[in-house]
Amino acid sequence: MSEIVTFGKISEIEANKLLVKRFGRKRIAVCSFEDKFYAFKDSCTHDGGTFDQETVCGKVIECPRHGAKFDITNGHVLSAPAYSSLETYPVTVVGDEIKIELE
């Protein structure tokens, strides 16, 4: 069963930056691209490293540990050494709040 949580306010998300927050045992990263917000698990699928200190370049995030790249809009792997997509979460904006649907 899914749960909708309030991640935060739109104003908290800086251009080309991630904001990471914890919900239970999950660390969720949110960033924006072309005026839309995207959420994914803050864990590289290659080795579990976090993205929390990284900069987003367009719609691409790169793992600082081994250089795997991912598309933030859908979680797909863009380059090795990762081969599995990021776990992504549906995002909606209600007023000035970012809401995320967690499973």
PDB file of N, CA and C in Angstrom:
ATOM      1  N   MET A   1       0.842  -1.175   0.000  1.00  0.00           N
ATOM      2  CA  MET A   1       0.000   0.000   0.000  1.00  0.00           C
ATOM      3  C   MET A   1       0.890   1.243   0.000  1.00  0.00           C
ATOM      4  N   SER A   2       0.541   2.199  -0.826  1.00  0.00           N
ATOM      5  CA  SER A   2       1.366   3.400  -0.919  1.00  0.00           C
ATOM      6  C   SER A   2       0.912   4.472   0.074  1.00  0.00           C
ATOM      7  N   GLU A   3       1.829   5.387   0.325  1.00  0.00           N
ATOM      8  CA  GLU A   3       1.592   6.479   1.260  1.00  0.00           C
ATOM      9  C   GLU A   3       2.060   7.768   0.591  1.00  0.00           C
ATOM     10  N   ILE A   4       1.271   8.821   0.690  1.00  0.00           N
ATOM     11  CA  ILE A   4       1.670  10.111   0.143  1.00  0.00           C
ATOM     12  C   ILE A   4       2.204  10.963   1.284  1.00  0.00           C
ATOM     13  N   VAL A   5       3.445  11.448   1.087  1.00  0.00           N
ATOM     14  CA  VAL A   5       4.099  12.269   2.111  1.00  0.00           C
ATOM     15  C   VAL A   5       4.416  13.643   1.534  1.00  0.00           C
ATOM     16  N   THR A   6       4.458  14.625   2.394  1.00  0.00           N
ATOM     17  CA  THR A   6       4.872  15.967   1.988  1.00  0.00           C
ATOM     18  C   THR A   6       6.386  16.027   2.124  1.00  0.00           C
ATOM     19  N   PHE A   7       7.061  16.205   1.003  1.00  0.00           N
ATOM     20  CA  PHE A   7       8.519  16.270   1.002  1.00  0.00           C
ATOM     21  C   PHE A   7       8.996  17.622   1.506  1.00  0.00           C
ATOM     22  N   GLY A   8       8.344  18.671   1.038  1.00  0.00           N
ATOM     23  CA  GLY A   8       8.747  20.019   1.420  1.00  0.00           C
ATOM     24  C   GLY A   8       8.153  21.050   0.495  1.00  0.00           C
ATOM     25  N   LYS A   9       8.701  22.233   0.527  1.00  0.00           N
ATOM     26  CA  LYS A   9       8.223  23.353  -0.289  1.00  0.00           C
ATOM     27  C   LYS A   9       9.039  23.473  -1.569  1.00  0.00           C
ATOM     28  N   ILE A  10       8.406  23.962  -2.608  1.00  0.00           N
ATOM     29  CA  ILE A  10       9.085  24.183  -3.889  1.00  0.00           C
ATOM     30  C   ILE A  10      10.321  25.051  -3.696  1.00  0.00           C
ATOM     31  N   SER A  11      10.230  26.051  -2.860  1.00  0.00           N
ATOM     32  CA  SER A  11      11.337  26.988  -2.640  1.00  0.00           C
ATOM     33  C   SER A  11      12.578  26.333  -2.028  1.00  0.00           C
ATOM     34  N   GLU A  12      12.445  25.127  -1.487  1.00  0.00           N
ATOM     35  CA  GLU A  12      13.587  24.429  -0.894  1.00  0.00           C
ATOM     36  C   GLU A  12      14.505  23.790  -1.937  1.00  0.00           C
ATOM     37  N   ILE A  13      13.996  23.616  -3.157  1.00  0.00           N
ATOM     38  CA  ILE A  13      14.761  22.933  -4.200  1.00  0.00           C
ATOM     39  C   ILE A  13      15.515  23.967  -5.030  1.00  0.00           C
ATOM     40  N   GLU A  14      16.837  23.978  -4.896  1.00  0.00           N
ATOM     41  CA  GLU A  14      17.682  24.898  -5.647  1.00  0.00           C
ATOM     42  C   GLU A  14      17.973  24.324  -7.035  1.00  0.00           C
ATOM     43  N   ALA A  15      18.169  25.192  -8.008  1.00  0.00           N
ATOM     44  CA  ALA A  15      18.501  24.763  -9.370  1.00  0.00           C
ATOM     45  C   ALA A  15      19.773  23.919  -9.349  1.00  0.00           C
ATOM     46  N   ASN A  16      19.741  22.817 -10.071  1.00  0.00           N
ATOM     47  CA  ASN A  16      20.883  21.911 -10.229  1.00  0.00           C
ATOM     48  C   ASN A  16      21.350  21.252  -8.935  1.00  0.00           C
ATOM     49  N   LYS A  17      20.505  21.234  -7.916  1.00  0.00           N
ATOM     50  CA  LYS A  17      20.862  20.613  -6.636  1.00  0.00           C
ATOM     51  C   LYS A  17      19.805  19.595  -6.227  1.00  0.00           C
ATOM     52  N   LEU A  18      20.234  18.639  -5.432  1.00  0.00           N
ATOM     53  CA  LEU A  18      19.331  17.669  -4.831  1.00  0.00           C
ATOM     54  C   LEU A  18      19.012  18.108  -3.416  1.00  0.00           C
ATOM     55  N   LEU A  19      17.835  17.771  -2.989  1.00  0.00           N
ATOM     56  CA  LEU A  19      17.499  17.883  -1.572  1.00  0.00           C
ATOM     57  C   LEU A  19      17.134  16.473  -1.129  1.00  0.00           C
ATOM     58  N   VAL A  20      17.750  16.016  -0.070  1.00  0.00           N
ATOM     59  CA  VAL A  20      17.524  14.652   0.417  1.00  0.00           C
ATOM     60  C   VAL A  20      16.903  14.717   1.800  1.00  0.00           C
ATOM     61  N   LYS A  21      15.860  13.924   1.975  1.00  0.00           N
ATOM     62  CA  LYS A  21      15.208  13.807   3.277  1.00  0.00           C
ATOM     63  C   LYS A  21      14.924  12.336   3.546  1.00  0.00           C
ATOM     64  N   ARG A  22      14.799  12.016   4.815  1.00  0.00           N
ATOM     65  CA  ARG A  22      14.535  10.636   5.222  1.00  0.00           C
ATOM     66  C   ARG A  22      13.055  10.484   5.581  1.00  0.00           C
ATOM     67  N   PHE A  23      12.478   9.394   5.096  1.00  0.00           N
ATOM     68  CA  PHE A  23      11.101   9.012   5.430  1.00  0.00           C
ATOM     69  C   PHE A  23      11.170   7.555   5.876  1.00  0.00           C
ATOM     70  N   GLY A  24      11.066   7.358   7.177  1.00  0.00           N
ATOM     71  CA  GLY A  24      11.257   6.009   7.697  1.00  0.00           C
ATOM     72  C   GLY A  24      12.690   5.583   7.431  1.00  0.00           C
ATOM     73  N   ARG A  25      12.861   4.455   6.772  1.00  0.00           N
ATOM     74  CA  ARG A  25      14.202   3.941   6.463  1.00  0.00           C
ATOM     75  C   ARG A  25      14.672   4.374   5.075  1.00  0.00           C
ATOM     76  N   LYS A  26      13.854   5.112   4.344  1.00  0.00           N
ATOM     77  CA  LYS A  26      14.210   5.525   2.979  1.00  0.00           C
ATOM     78  C   LYS A  26      14.776   6.930   2.951  1.00  0.00           C
ATOM     79  N   ARG A  27      15.872   7.096   2.225  1.00  0.00           N
ATOM     80  CA  ARG A  27      16.420   8.424   1.930  1.00  0.00           C
ATOM     81  C   ARG A  27      15.954   8.767   0.517  1.00  0.00           C
ATOM     82  N   ILE A  28      15.191   9.840   0.402  1.00  0.00           N
ATOM     83  CA  ILE A  28      14.607  10.239  -0.873  1.00  0.00           C
ATOM     84  C   ILE A  28      15.260  11.535  -1.341  1.00  0.00           C
ATOM     85  N   ALA A  29      15.658  11.554  -2.608  1.00  0.00           N
ATOM     86  CA  ALA A  29      16.234  12.749  -3.221  1.00  0.00           C
ATOM     87  C   ALA A  29      15.198  13.362  -4.153  1.00  0.00           C
ATOM     88  N   VAL A  30      15.108  14.687  -4.133  1.00  0.00           N
ATOM     89  CA  VAL A  30      14.226  15.416  -5.041  1.00  0.00           C
ATOM     90  C   VAL A  30      15.047  16.490  -5.733  1.00  0.00           C
ATOM     91  N   CYS A  31      14.804  16.647  -7.027  1.00  0.00           N
ATOM     92  CA  CYS A  31      15.433  17.718  -7.796  1.00  0.00           C
ATOM     93  C   CYS A  31      14.450  18.142  -8.884  1.00  0.00           C
ATOM     94  N   SER A  32      14.799  19.201  -9.589  1.00  0.00           N
ATOM     95  CA  SER A  32      13.904  19.675 -10.647  1.00  0.00           C
ATOM     96  C   SER A  32      14.639  19.702 -11.981  1.00  0.00           C
ATOM     97  N   PHE A  33      13.845  19.596 -13.032  1.00  0.00           N
ATOM     98  CA  PHE A  33      14.345  19.704 -14.401  1.00  0.00           C
ATOM     99  C   PHE A  33      13.200  20.247 -15.253  1.00  0.00           C
ATOM    100  N   GLU A  34      13.464  21.339 -15.927  1.00  0.00           N
ATOM    101  CA  GLU A  34      12.463  21.980 -16.789  1.00  0.00           C
ATOM    102  C   GLU A  34      11.132  22.184 -16.066  1.00  0.00           C
ATOM    103  N   ASP A  35      11.217  22.756 -14.873  1.00  0.00           N
ATOM    104  CA  ASP A  35      10.049  23.131 -14.067  1.00  0.00           C
ATOM    105  C   ASP A  35       9.197  21.961 -13.575  1.00  0.00           C
ATOM    106  N   LYS A  36       9.745  20.754 -13.583  1.00  0.00           N
ATOM    107  CA  LYS A  36       9.070  19.593 -13.005  1.00  0.00           C
ATOM    108  C   LYS A  36       9.969  19.031 -11.915  1.00  0.00           C
ATOM    109  N   PHE A  37       9.357  18.343 -10.965  1.00  0.00           N
ATOM    110  CA  PHE A  37      10.097  17.766  -9.853  1.00  0.00           C
ATOM    111  C   PHE A  37      10.139  16.249  -9.985  1.00  0.00           C
ATOM    112  N   TYR A  38      11.282  15.685  -9.585  1.00  0.00           N
ATOM    113  CA  TYR A  38      11.507  14.246  -9.694  1.00  0.00           C
ATOM    114  C   TYR A  38      12.054  13.729  -8.373  1.00  0.00           C
ATOM    115  N   ALA A  39      11.620  12.527  -7.995  1.00  0.00           N
ATOM    116  CA  ALA A  39      12.039  11.929  -6.731  1.00  0.00           C
ATOM    117  C   ALA A  39      12.577  10.525  -6.991  1.00  0.00           C
ATOM    118  N   PHE A  40      13.654  10.181  -6.289  1.00  0.00           N
ATOM    119  CA  PHE A  40      14.222   8.851  -6.404  1.00  0.00           C
ATOM    120  C   PHE A  40      14.943   8.488  -5.114  1.00  0.00           C
ATOM    121  N   LYS A  41      15.163   7.203  -4.938  1.00  0.00           N
ATOM    122  CA  LYS A  41      15.880   6.712  -3.760  1.00  0.00           C
ATOM    123  C   LYS A  41      17.322   7.210  -3.834  1.00  0.00           C
ATOM    124  N   ASP A  42      17.811   7.765  -2.740  1.00  0.00           N
ATOM    125  CA  ASP A  42      19.160   8.321  -2.679  1.00  0.00           C
ATOM    126  C   ASP A  42      20.174   7.201  -2.467  1.00  0.00           C
ATOM    127  N   SER A  43      20.299   6.348  -3.494  1.00  0.00           N
ATOM    128  CA  SER A  43      21.214   5.216  -3.405  1.00  0.00           C
ATOM    129  C   SER A  43      21.547   4.723  -4.808  1.00  0.00           C
ATOM    130  N   CYS A  44      22.822   4.770  -5.160  1.00  0.00           N
ATOM    131  CA  CYS A  44      23.258   4.266  -6.457  1.00  0.00           C
ATOM    132  C   CYS A  44      22.998   2.763  -6.522  1.00  0.00           C
ATOM    133  N   THR A  45      22.484   2.301  -7.627  1.00  0.00           N
ATOM    134  CA  THR A  45      22.190   0.873  -7.763  1.00  0.00           C
ATOM    135  C   THR A  45      23.450   0.042  -7.982  1.00  0.00           C
ATOM    136  N   HIS A  46      24.575   0.677  -8.209  1.00  0.00           N
ATOM    137  CA  HIS A  46      25.830  -0.061  -8.363  1.00  0.00           C
ATOM    138  C   HIS A  46      26.390  -0.507  -7.015  1.00  0.00           C
ATOM    139  N   ASP A  47      26.492   0.444  -6.067  1.00  0.00           N
ATOM    140  CA  ASP A  47      27.097   0.062  -4.792  1.00  0.00           C
ATOM    141  C   ASP A  47      26.463   0.718  -3.568  1.00  0.00           C
ATOM    142  N   GLY A  48      25.329   1.372  -3.745  1.00  0.00           N
ATOM    143  CA  GLY A  48      24.622   1.948  -2.607  1.00  0.00           C
ATOM    144  C   GLY A  48      25.102   3.311  -2.163  1.00  0.00           C
ATOM    145  N   GLY A  49      26.059   3.898  -2.893  1.00  0.00           N
ATOM    146  CA  GLY A  49      26.532   5.236  -2.550  1.00  0.00           C
ATOM    147  C   GLY A  49      25.415   6.261  -2.678  1.00  0.00           C
ATOM    148  N   THR A  50      25.538   7.351  -1.936  1.00  0.00           N
ATOM    149  CA  THR A  50      24.497   8.382  -1.968  1.00  0.00           C
ATOM    150  C   THR A  50      24.847   9.490  -2.950  1.00  0.00           C
ATOM    151  N   PHE A  51      23.815  10.195  -3.383  1.00  0.00           N
ATOM    152  CA  PHE A  51      23.958  11.309  -4.314  1.00  0.00           C
ATOM    153  C   PHE A  51      23.828  12.656  -3.607  1.00  0.00           C
ATOM    154  N   ASP A  52      23.618  12.658  -2.315  1.00  0.00           N
ATOM    155  CA  ASP A  52      23.189  13.854  -1.601  1.00  0.00           C
ATOM    156  C   ASP A  52      24.100  15.072  -1.723  1.00  0.00           C
ATOM    157  N   GLN A  53      25.341  14.911  -2.088  1.00  0.00           N
ATOM    158  CA  GLN A  53      26.242  16.060  -2.234  1.00  0.00           C
ATOM    159  C   GLN A  53      26.487  16.402  -3.702  1.00  0.00           C
ATOM    160  N   GLU A  54      25.759  15.770  -4.599  1.00  0.00           N
ATOM    161  CA  GLU A  54      26.016  15.931  -6.023  1.00  0.00           C
ATOM    162  C   GLU A  54      25.191  17.038  -6.658  1.00  0.00           C
ATOM    163  N   THR A  55      25.675  17.509  -7.787  1.00  0.00           N
ATOM    164  CA  THR A  55      24.992  18.499  -8.604  1.00  0.00           C
ATOM    165  C   THR A  55      24.342  17.781  -9.773  1.00  0.00           C
ATOM    166  N   VAL A  56      23.151  18.204 -10.127  1.00  0.00           N
ATOM    167  CA  VAL A  56      22.449  17.650 -11.280  1.00  0.00           C
ATOM    168  C   VAL A  56      22.852  18.466 -12.505  1.00  0.00           C
ATOM    169  N   CYS A  57      23.205  17.791 -13.574  1.00  0.00           N
ATOM    170  CA  CYS A  57      23.572  18.464 -14.822  1.00  0.00           C
ATOM    171  C   CYS A  57      22.461  18.189 -15.829  1.00  0.00           C
ATOM    172  N   GLY A  58      21.570  19.168 -16.020  1.00  0.00           N
ATOM    173  CA  GLY A  58      20.400  18.924 -16.870  1.00  0.00           C
ATOM    174  C   GLY A  58      19.515  17.903 -16.196  1.00  0.00           C
ATOM    175  N   LYS A  59      19.340  16.763 -16.861  1.00  0.00           N
ATOM    176  CA  LYS A  59      18.538  15.699 -16.249  1.00  0.00           C
ATOM    177  C   LYS A  59      19.398  14.496 -15.857  1.00  0.00           C
ATOM    178  N   VAL A  60      20.702  14.723 -15.708  1.00  0.00           N
ATOM    179  CA  VAL A  60      21.632  13.640 -15.392  1.00  0.00           C
ATOM    180  C   VAL A  60      22.262  13.845 -14.017  1.00  0.00           C
ATOM    181  N   ILE A  61      22.287  12.755 -13.244  1.00  0.00           N
ATOM    182  CA  ILE A  61      23.000  12.734 -11.970  1.00  0.00           C
ATOM    183  C   ILE A  61      24.083  11.663 -12.077  1.00  0.00           C
ATOM    184  N   GLU A  62      25.254  11.981 -11.527  1.00  0.00           N
ATOM    185  CA  GLU A  62      26.367  11.038 -11.580  1.00  0.00           C
ATOM    186  C   GLU A  62      26.744  10.615 -10.163  1.00  0.00           C
ATOM    187  N   CYS A  63      26.931   9.324  -9.968  1.00  0.00           N
ATOM    188  CA  CYS A  63      27.360   8.817  -8.674  1.00  0.00           C
ATOM    189  C   CYS A  63      28.806   9.250  -8.433  1.00  0.00           C
ATOM    190  N   PRO A  64      29.087   9.865  -7.288  1.00  0.00           N
ATOM    191  CA  PRO A  64      30.436  10.353  -7.023  1.00  0.00           C
ATOM    192  C   PRO A  64      31.462   9.247  -6.782  1.00  0.00           C
ATOM    193  N   ARG A  65      31.006   8.063  -6.502  1.00  0.00           N
ATOM    194  CA  ARG A  65      31.945   6.993  -6.147  1.00  0.00           C
ATOM    195  C   ARG A  65      32.570   6.326  -7.368  1.00  0.00           C
ATOM    196  N   HIS A  66      31.761   5.951  -8.358  1.00  0.00           N
ATOM    197  CA  HIS A  66      32.313   5.216  -9.501  1.00  0.00           C
ATOM    198  C   HIS A  66      31.838   5.744 -10.853  1.00  0.00           C
ATOM    199  N   GLY A  67      31.094   6.854 -10.856  1.00  0.00           N
ATOM    200  CA  GLY A  67      30.753   7.514 -12.112  1.00  0.00           C
ATOM    201  C   GLY A  67      29.539   7.008 -12.865  1.00  0.00           C
ATOM    202  N   ALA A  68      28.750   6.126 -12.278  1.00  0.00           N
ATOM    203  CA  ALA A  68      27.521   5.699 -12.954  1.00  0.00           C
ATOM    204  C   ALA A  68      26.615   6.913 -13.133  1.00  0.00           C
ATOM    205  N   LYS A  69      25.951   6.993 -14.281  1.00  0.00           N
ATOM    206  CA  LYS A  69      25.058   8.121 -14.554  1.00  0.00           C
ATOM    207  C   LYS A  69      23.636   7.626 -14.741  1.00  0.00           C
ATOM    208  N   PHE A  70      22.694   8.482 -14.276  1.00  0.00           N
ATOM    209  CA  PHE A  70      21.279   8.141 -14.331  1.00  0.00           C
ATOM    210  C   PHE A  70      20.470   9.325 -14.837  1.00  0.00           C
ATOM    211  N   ASP A  71      19.356   9.021 -15.491  1.00  0.00           N
ATOM    212  CA  ASP A  71      18.391  10.035 -15.932  1.00  0.00           C
ATOM    213  C   ASP A  71      17.429  10.268 -14.767  1.00  0.00           C
ATOM    214  N   ILE A  72      17.394  11.495 -14.229  1.00  0.00           N
ATOM    215  CA  ILE A  72      16.551  11.765 -13.057  1.00  0.00           C
ATOM    216  C   ILE A  72      15.064  11.718 -13.388  1.00  0.00           C
ATOM    217  N   THR A  73      14.703  11.858 -14.660  1.00  0.00           N
ATOM    218  CA  THR A  73      13.280  11.902 -15.022  1.00  0.00           C
ATOM    219  C   THR A  73      12.613  10.536 -15.002  1.00  0.00           C
ATOM    220  N   ASN A  74      13.422   9.463 -15.140  1.00  0.00           N
ATOM    221  CA  ASN A  74      12.831   8.127 -15.146  1.00  0.00           C
ATOM    222  C   ASN A  74      13.674   7.091 -14.407  1.00  0.00           C
ATOM    223  N   GLY A  75      14.847   7.484 -13.923  1.00  0.00           N
ATOM    224  CA  GLY A  75      15.708   6.579 -13.174  1.00  0.00           C
ATOM    225  C   GLY A  75      16.593   5.680 -14.021  1.00  0.00           C
ATOM    226  N   HIS A  76      16.461   5.743 -15.340  1.00  0.00           N
ATOM    227  CA  HIS A  76      17.207   4.833 -16.208  1.00  0.00           C
ATOM    228  C   HIS A  76      18.712   5.064 -16.133  1.00  0.00           C
ATOM    229  N   VAL A  77      19.457   3.974 -16.249  1.00  0.00           N
ATOM    230  CA  VAL A  77      20.917   4.020 -16.256  1.00  0.00           C
ATOM    231  C   VAL A  77      21.382   4.584 -17.594  1.00  0.00           C
ATOM    232  N   LEU A  78      22.324   5.520 -17.528  1.00  0.00           N
ATOM    233  CA  LEU A  78      22.897   6.092 -18.736  1.00  0.00           C
ATOM    234  C   LEU A  78      24.321   5.609 -18.975  1.00  0.00           C
ATOM    235  N   SER A  79      25.006   5.177 -17.910  1.00  0.00           N
ATOM    236  CA  SER A  79      26.350   4.631 -18.087  1.00  0.00           C
ATOM    237  C   SER A  79      26.718   3.719 -16.929  1.00  0.00           C
ATOM    238  N   ALA A  80      27.571   2.749 -17.249  1.00  0.00           N
ATOM    239  CA  ALA A  80      28.079   1.792 -16.262  1.00  0.00           C
ATOM    240  C   ALA A  80      28.968   2.537 -15.262  1.00  0.00           C
ATOM    241  N   PRO A  81      29.219   1.958 -14.124  1.00  0.00           N
ATOM    242  CA  PRO A  81      29.106   0.535 -13.809  1.00  0.00           C
ATOM    243  C   PRO A  81      27.735   0.087 -13.292  1.00  0.00           C
ATOM    244  N   ALA A  82      26.769   0.970 -13.184  1.00  0.00           N
ATOM    245  CA  ALA A  82      25.425   0.553 -12.772  1.00  0.00           C
ATOM    246  C   ALA A  82      24.691  -0.061 -13.965  1.00  0.00           C
ATOM    247  N   TYR A  83      23.835  -1.032 -13.668  1.00  0.00           N
ATOM    248  CA  TYR A  83      23.032  -1.658 -14.720  1.00  0.00           C
ATOM    249  C   TYR A  83      21.549  -1.691 -14.370  1.00  0.00           C
ATOM    250  N   SER A  84      21.209  -1.298 -13.157  1.00  0.00           N
ATOM    251  CA  SER A  84      19.814  -1.264 -12.715  1.00  0.00           C
ATOM    252  C   SER A  84      19.375   0.185 -12.535  1.00  0.00           C
ATOM    253  N   SER A  85      18.134   0.455 -12.896  1.00  0.00           N
ATOM    254  CA  SER A  85      17.574   1.802 -12.768  1.00  0.00           C
ATOM    255  C   SER A  85      17.396   2.193 -11.309  1.00  0.00           C
ATOM    256  N   LEU A  86      17.374   3.496 -11.072  1.00  0.00           N
ATOM    257  CA  LEU A  86      17.063   4.020  -9.746  1.00  0.00           C
ATOM    258  C   LEU A  86      15.594   3.766  -9.433  1.00  0.00           C
ATOM    259  N   GLU A  87      15.289   3.583  -8.167  1.00  0.00           N
ATOM    260  CA  GLU A  87      13.904   3.489  -7.725  1.00  0.00           C
ATOM    261  C   GLU A  87      13.338   4.904  -7.697  1.00  0.00           C
ATOM    262  N   THR A  88      12.293   5.150  -8.477  1.00  0.00           N
ATOM    263  CA  THR A  88      11.699   6.481  -8.566  1.00  0.00           C
ATOM    264  C   THR A  88      10.325   6.486  -7.915  1.00  0.00           C
ATOM    265  N   TYR A  89       9.855   7.705  -7.609  1.00  0.00           N
ATOM    266  CA  TYR A  89       8.567   7.872  -6.932  1.00  0.00           C
ATOM    267  C   TYR A  89       7.755   8.946  -7.629  1.00  0.00           C
ATOM    268  N   PRO A  90       6.447   8.728  -7.772  1.00  0.00           N
ATOM    269  CA  PRO A  90       5.591   9.754  -8.365  1.00  0.00           C
ATOM    270  C   PRO A  90       5.576  11.022  -7.510  1.00  0.00           C
ATOM    271  N   VAL A  91       5.602  12.177  -8.179  1.00  0.00           N
ATOM    272  CA  VAL A  91       5.616  13.478  -7.513  1.00  0.00           C
ATOM    273  C   VAL A  91       4.430  14.295  -7.999  1.00  0.00           C
ATOM    274  N   THR A  92       3.772  14.965  -7.070  1.00  0.00           N
ATOM    275  CA  THR A  92       2.751  15.944  -7.418  1.00  0.00           C
ATOM    276  C   THR A  92       3.044  17.217  -6.631  1.00  0.00           C
ATOM    277  N   VAL A  93       2.604  18.327  -7.197  1.00  0.00           N
ATOM    278  CA  VAL A  93       2.753  19.609  -6.516  1.00  0.00           C
ATOM    279  C   VAL A  93       1.357  20.096  -6.175  1.00  0.00           C
ATOM    280  N   VAL A  94       1.142  20.403  -4.905  1.00  0.00           N
ATOM    281  CA  VAL A  94      -0.134  20.921  -4.420  1.00  0.00           C
ATOM    282  C   VAL A  94       0.168  22.273  -3.779  1.00  0.00           C
ATOM    283  N   GLY A  95      -0.264  23.339  -4.461  1.00  0.00           N
ATOM    284  CA  GLY A  95       0.083  24.677  -3.988  1.00  0.00           C
ATOM    285  C   GLY A  95       1.579  24.860  -4.095  1.00  0.00           C
ATOM    286  N   ASP A  96       2.246  25.074  -2.966  1.00  0.00           N
ATOM    287  CA  ASP A  96       3.713  25.213  -2.973  1.00  0.00           C
ATOM    288  C   ASP A  96       4.402  24.022  -2.320  1.00  0.00           C
ATOM    289  N   GLU A  97       3.655  22.909  -2.139  1.00  0.00           N
ATOM    290  CA  GLU A  97       4.211  21.727  -1.501  1.00  0.00           C
ATOM    291  C   GLU A  97       4.473  20.611  -2.503  1.00  0.00           C
ATOM    292  N   ILE A  98       5.593  19.931  -2.290  1.00  0.00           N
ATOM    293  CA  ILE A  98       5.962  18.770  -3.105  1.00  0.00           C
ATOM    294  C   ILE A  98       5.518  17.523  -2.351  1.00  0.00           C
ATOM    295  N   LYS A  99       4.688  16.714  -2.998  1.00  0.00           N
ATOM    296  CA  LYS A  99       4.178  15.482  -2.407  1.00  0.00           C
ATOM    297  C   LYS A  99       4.750  14.294  -3.183  1.00  0.00           C
ATOM    298  N   ILE A 100       5.110  13.255  -2.446  1.00  0.00           N
ATOM    299  CA  ILE A 100       5.699  12.065  -3.035  1.00  0.00           C
ATOM    300  C   ILE A 100       4.895  10.846  -2.616  1.00  0.00           C
ATOM    301  N   GLU A 101       4.684   9.938  -3.571  1.00  0.00           N
ATOM    302  CA  GLU A 101       3.988   8.693  -3.275  1.00  0.00           C
ATOM    303  C   GLU A 101       5.023   7.599  -3.023  1.00  0.00           C
ATOM    304  N   LEU A 102       5.101   7.138  -1.787  1.00  0.00           N
ATOM    305  CA  LEU A 102       6.025   6.081  -1.403  1.00  0.00           C
ATOM    306  C   LEU A 102       5.305   4.753  -1.326  1.00  0.00           C
ATOM    307  N   GLU A 103       5.999   3.703  -1.642  1.00  0.00           N
ATOM    308  CA  GLU A 103       5.420   2.354  -1.550  1.00  0.00           C
ATOM    309  C   GLU A 103       5.783   1.716  -0.244  1.00  0.00           C
TER     310      GLU A 103
END
